[in-house]
Amino acid sequence: MLDGQLLTYRRDVKPGLRWPGMIDLPGGGREGDESPAACALRELEEEFGIRLPESRICWAMPFPAMDRPGGTGWFLGAPLAVEDYEAIRFGDEGHSPQLLHFGDFLRAPDAVPALQHRLTMMLDGLAIEQVFGYHTPKTPLFP
């Protein structure tokens, strides 16, 4: 999150790929026994070249997994600094990285619907200072 905006990208259009061409958020599947936070931060670095410390994560909530029936997935939020955005080195998945205002993402007919729902729940749970400013938890979300 950066000043009321989300870091987004467009998914590739390939056979068998879920949500082809739709607006998506950074993320992906956990590898081995990594924590949800470690997974999210690894995916952010792989997809956008942005490395954040776990202490920047200001929100996390479990949801039904989008790719594994009966599994648990996580939705996490972290503020970005302008320097983070300027340092983007986009990876080889998807295209067209951009900052998109929360409302624009929520209203977009071509955004991944489950992520729109999760973002709504995140915004409902955050104080305005957390959405537009930095919040560093005193303890890690995932020890």
C-alpha atoms as a PDB file:
ATOM      1  CA  MET A   1       0.000   0.000   0.000  1.00  0.00           C
ATOM      2  CA  LEU A   2       1.258   3.466  -0.840  1.00  0.00           C
ATOM      3  CA  ASP A   3      -0.859   6.558  -0.126  1.00  0.00           C
ATOM      4  CA  GLY A   4      -4.194   4.782  -0.518  1.00  0.00           C
ATOM      5  CA  GLN A   5      -3.028   2.777  -3.528  1.00  0.00           C
ATOM      6  CA  LEU A   6      -2.233  -0.885  -4.135  1.00  0.00           C
ATOM      7  CA  LEU A   7       0.607  -2.414  -6.057  1.00  0.00           C
ATOM      8  CA  THR A   8      -1.111  -4.388  -8.837  1.00  0.00           C
ATOM      9  CA  TYR A   9      -0.323  -6.083 -12.118  1.00  0.00           C
ATOM     10  CA  ARG A  10      -2.162  -7.854 -14.949  1.00  0.00           C
ATOM     11  CA  ARG A  11      -2.086 -11.621 -15.052  1.00  0.00           C
ATOM     12  CA  ASP A  12      -0.795 -13.327 -18.169  1.00  0.00           C
ATOM     13  CA  VAL A  13      -3.217 -14.900 -20.624  1.00  0.00           C
ATOM     14  CA  LYS A  14      -2.014 -18.491 -20.898  1.00  0.00           C
ATOM     15  CA  PRO A  15      -3.861 -21.798 -21.223  1.00  0.00           C
ATOM     16  CA  GLY A  16      -4.746 -23.215 -17.810  1.00  0.00           C
ATOM     17  CA  LEU A  17      -3.890 -20.027 -15.890  1.00  0.00           C
ATOM     18  CA  ARG A  18      -6.597 -18.928 -13.475  1.00  0.00           C
ATOM     19  CA  TRP A  19      -7.980 -15.413 -13.874  1.00  0.00           C
ATOM     20  CA  PRO A  20      -6.245 -14.714 -17.226  1.00  0.00           C
ATOM     21  CA  GLY A  21      -5.670 -11.039 -17.985  1.00  0.00           C
ATOM     22  CA  MET A  22      -7.219  -9.896 -14.706  1.00  0.00           C
ATOM     23  CA  ILE A  23      -5.835  -7.326 -12.277  1.00  0.00           C
ATOM     24  CA  ASP A  24      -4.026  -9.144  -9.479  1.00  0.00           C
ATOM     25  CA  LEU A  25      -2.036  -8.411  -6.330  1.00  0.00           C
ATOM     26  CA  PRO A  26       1.397  -9.782  -5.424  1.00  0.00           C
ATOM     27  CA  GLY A  27       1.274 -13.208  -3.836  1.00  0.00           C
ATOM     28  CA  GLY A  28       1.367 -16.921  -4.401  1.00  0.00           C
ATOM     29  CA  GLY A  29       1.704 -20.337  -2.834  1.00  0.00           C
ATOM     30  CA  ARG A  30       3.776 -21.221   0.179  1.00  0.00           C
ATOM     31  CA  GLU A  31       6.882 -23.302  -0.338  1.00  0.00           C
ATOM     32  CA  GLY A  32       7.733 -26.016   2.157  1.00  0.00           C
ATOM     33  CA  ASP A  33       7.080 -24.942   5.712  1.00  0.00           C
ATOM     34  CA  GLU A  34       7.526 -21.188   5.224  1.00  0.00           C
ATOM     35  CA  SER A  35       5.198 -18.949   7.190  1.00  0.00           C
ATOM     36  CA  PRO A  36       2.474 -16.913   5.477  1.00  0.00           C
ATOM     37  CA  ALA A  37       4.527 -13.758   6.053  1.00  0.00           C
ATOM     38  CA  ALA A  38       7.701 -15.307   4.624  1.00  0.00           C
ATOM     39  CA  CYS A  39       5.721 -16.500   1.602  1.00  0.00           C
ATOM     40  CA  ALA A  40       4.172 -13.083   0.939  1.00  0.00           C
ATOM     41  CA  LEU A  41       7.505 -11.299   1.267  1.00  0.00           C
ATOM     42  CA  ARG A  42       9.273 -13.842  -0.988  1.00  0.00           C
ATOM     43  CA  GLU A  43       6.551 -13.506  -3.636  1.00  0.00           C
ATOM     44  CA  LEU A  44       6.760  -9.699  -3.476  1.00  0.00           C
ATOM     45  CA  GLU A  45      10.501  -9.890  -4.047  1.00  0.00           C
ATOM     46  CA  GLU A  46      10.195 -12.456  -6.871  1.00  0.00           C
ATOM     47  CA  GLU A  47       7.395 -10.602  -8.663  1.00  0.00           C
ATOM     48  CA  PHE A  48       8.441  -6.972  -8.118  1.00  0.00           C
ATOM     49  CA  GLY A  49      12.018  -7.022  -6.825  1.00  0.00           C
ATOM     50  CA  ILE A  50      10.889  -5.325  -3.602  1.00  0.00           C
ATOM     51  CA  ARG A  51      12.369  -6.585  -0.332  1.00  0.00           C
ATOM     52  CA  LEU A  52      10.477  -5.639   2.823  1.00  0.00           C
ATOM     53  CA  PRO A  53      11.077  -6.671   6.424  1.00  0.00           C
ATOM     54  CA  GLU A  54       8.322  -8.656   8.126  1.00  0.00           C
ATOM     55  CA  SER A  55       7.873  -5.781  10.568  1.00  0.00           C
ATOM     56  CA  ARG A  56       6.233  -3.746   7.764  1.00  0.00           C
ATOM     57  CA  ILE A  57       3.253  -6.122   7.587  1.00  0.00           C
ATOM     58  CA  CYS A  58       0.383  -4.300   9.284  1.00  0.00           C
ATOM     59  CA  TRP A  59      -2.514  -6.669   8.610  1.00  0.00           C
ATOM     60  CA  ALA A  60      -2.972 -10.401   8.141  1.00  0.00           C
ATOM     61  CA  MET A  61      -6.023 -12.625   8.043  1.00  0.00           C
ATOM     62  CA  PRO A  62      -6.655 -16.242   7.060  1.00  0.00           C
ATOM     63  CA  PHE A  63      -9.187 -17.037   4.331  1.00  0.00           C
ATOM     64  CA  PRO A  64     -10.157 -20.184   2.445  1.00  0.00           C
ATOM     65  CA  ALA A  65      -7.333 -20.891  -0.024  1.00  0.00           C
ATOM     66  CA  MET A  66      -8.021 -19.803  -3.595  1.00  0.00           C
ATOM     67  CA  ASP A  67      -6.099 -22.726  -5.092  1.00  0.00           C
ATOM     68  CA  ARG A  68      -6.618 -25.637  -2.648  1.00  0.00           C
ATOM     69  CA  PRO A  69     -10.138 -26.659  -1.624  1.00  0.00           C
ATOM     70  CA  GLY A  70     -10.215 -27.027   2.154  1.00  0.00           C
ATOM     71  CA  GLY A  71      -6.872 -25.240   2.547  1.00  0.00           C
ATOM     72  CA  THR A  72      -6.076 -21.970   4.265  1.00  0.00           C
ATOM     73  CA  GLY A  73      -4.689 -18.944   2.482  1.00  0.00           C
ATOM     74  CA  TRP A  74      -3.601 -15.632   3.953  1.00  0.00           C
ATOM     75  CA  PHE A  75      -4.133 -12.015   2.905  1.00  0.00           C
ATOM     76  CA  LEU A  76      -1.520  -9.605   4.205  1.00  0.00           C
ATOM     77  CA  GLY A  77      -1.067  -5.854   3.898  1.00  0.00           C
ATOM     78  CA  ALA A  78       2.106  -3.789   4.190  1.00  0.00           C
ATOM     79  CA  PRO A  79       2.848  -0.140   3.497  1.00  0.00           C
ATOM     80  CA  LEU A  80       5.307   0.754   0.750  1.00  0.00           C
ATOM     81  CA  ALA A  81       7.579   3.762   0.673  1.00  0.00           C
ATOM     82  CA  VAL A  82       8.062   5.782  -2.499  1.00  0.00           C
ATOM     83  CA  GLU A  83      11.607   4.360  -2.629  1.00  0.00           C
ATOM     84  CA  ASP A  84      10.166   0.816  -2.672  1.00  0.00           C
ATOM     85  CA  TYR A  85       7.944   1.658  -5.634  1.00  0.00           C
ATOM     86  CA  GLU A  86      10.779   3.361  -7.504  1.00  0.00           C
ATOM     87  CA  ALA A  87      12.960   0.265  -7.017  1.00  0.00           C
ATOM     88  CA  ILE A  88      10.531  -2.118  -8.771  1.00  0.00           C
ATOM     89  CA  ARG A  89      12.180  -4.668 -11.050  1.00  0.00           C
ATOM     90  CA  PHE A  90       9.210  -6.518 -12.465  1.00  0.00           C
ATOM     91  CA  GLY A  91       9.629 -10.292 -12.784  1.00  0.00           C
ATOM     92  CA  ASP A  92       8.526 -12.671 -15.506  1.00  0.00           C
ATOM     93  CA  GLU A  93       4.951 -13.311 -14.343  1.00  0.00           C
ATOM     94  CA  GLY A  94       2.230 -11.021 -15.607  1.00  0.00           C
ATOM     95  CA  HIS A  95       2.670  -7.512 -16.974  1.00  0.00           C
ATOM     96  CA  SER A  96       1.698  -3.856 -16.503  1.00  0.00           C
ATOM     97  CA  PRO A  97       2.596  -3.222 -12.860  1.00  0.00           C
ATOM     98  CA  GLN A  98       0.874  -0.133 -11.507  1.00  0.00           C
ATOM     99  CA  LEU A  99      -0.376   1.584  -8.377  1.00  0.00           C
ATOM    100  CA  LEU A 100      -4.165   1.512  -8.322  1.00  0.00           C
ATOM    101  CA  HIS A 101      -6.340   3.395  -5.824  1.00  0.00           C
ATOM    102  CA  PHE A 102      -8.194   1.130  -3.415  1.00  0.00           C
ATOM    103  CA  GLY A 103     -11.587   2.209  -4.759  1.00  0.00           C
ATOM    104  CA  ASP A 104     -10.546   1.657  -8.366  1.00  0.00           C
ATOM    105  CA  PHE A 105      -9.397  -1.869  -7.555  1.00  0.00           C
ATOM    106  CA  LEU A 106     -12.599  -2.602  -5.641  1.00  0.00           C
ATOM    107  CA  ARG A 107     -14.784  -1.366  -8.530  1.00  0.00           C
ATOM    108  CA  ALA A 108     -12.749  -2.923 -11.350  1.00  0.00           C
ATOM    109  CA  PRO A 109     -14.801  -5.540 -13.209  1.00  0.00           C
ATOM    110  CA  ASP A 110     -11.560  -7.226 -14.270  1.00  0.00           C
ATOM    111  CA  ALA A 111      -9.912  -7.630 -10.846  1.00  0.00           C
ATOM    112  CA  VAL A 112      -9.725 -11.030  -9.123  1.00  0.00           C
ATOM    113  CA  PRO A 113     -13.037 -11.039  -7.178  1.00  0.00           C
ATOM    114  CA  ALA A 114     -11.788 -12.917  -4.107  1.00  0.00           C
ATOM    115  CA  LEU A 115      -9.035 -10.319  -3.678  1.00  0.00           C
ATOM    116  CA  GLN A 116     -11.556  -7.488  -3.884  1.00  0.00           C
ATOM    117  CA  HIS A 117     -13.481  -9.114  -1.028  1.00  0.00           C
ATOM    118  CA  ARG A 118     -10.315  -9.608   1.027  1.00  0.00           C
ATOM    119  CA  LEU A 119      -9.221  -6.015   0.488  1.00  0.00           C
ATOM    120  CA  THR A 120     -12.621  -4.793   1.665  1.00  0.00           C
ATOM    121  CA  MET A 121     -12.238  -6.807   4.855  1.00  0.00           C
ATOM    122  CA  MET A 122      -8.697  -5.490   5.365  1.00  0.00           C
ATOM    123  CA  LEU A 123      -9.768  -1.864   4.919  1.00  0.00           C
ATOM    124  CA  ASP A 124     -12.685  -2.363   7.307  1.00  0.00           C
ATOM    125  CA  GLY A 125     -10.212  -3.604   9.928  1.00  0.00           C
ATOM    126  CA  LEU A 126      -7.539  -0.923   9.602  1.00  0.00           C
ATOM    127  CA  ALA A 127      -7.467   2.523  11.118  1.00  0.00           C
ATOM    128  CA  ILE A 128      -6.988   5.325   8.600  1.00  0.00           C
ATOM    129  CA  GLU A 129      -3.457   5.930   9.950  1.00  0.00           C
ATOM    130  CA  GLN A 130      -2.522   2.365   9.052  1.00  0.00           C
ATOM    131  CA  VAL A 131      -3.815   2.710   5.499  1.00  0.00           C
ATOM    132  CA  PHE A 132      -2.088   5.996   4.750  1.00  0.00           C
ATOM    133  CA  GLY A 133       0.895   5.816   7.099  1.00  0.00           C
ATOM    134  CA  TYR A 134       3.340   3.344   8.476  1.00  0.00           C
ATOM    135  CA  HIS A 135       2.552   0.919  11.252  1.00  0.00           C
ATOM    136  CA  THR A 136       5.148  -1.387  12.702  1.00  0.00           C
ATOM    137  CA  PRO A 137       3.848  -4.123  14.986  1.00  0.00           C
ATOM    138  CA  LYS A 138       5.758  -4.536  18.248  1.00  0.00           C
ATOM    139  CA  THR A 139       5.889  -8.310  17.760  1.00  0.00           C
ATOM    140  CA  PRO A 140       6.111 -10.342  14.550  1.00  0.00           C
ATOM    141  CA  LEU A 141       2.781 -11.533  13.151  1.00  0.00           C
ATOM    142  CA  PHE A 142       4.218 -14.965  12.481  1.00  0.00           C
ATOM    143  CA  PRO A 143       7.018 -16.009  14.865  1.00  0.00           C
END
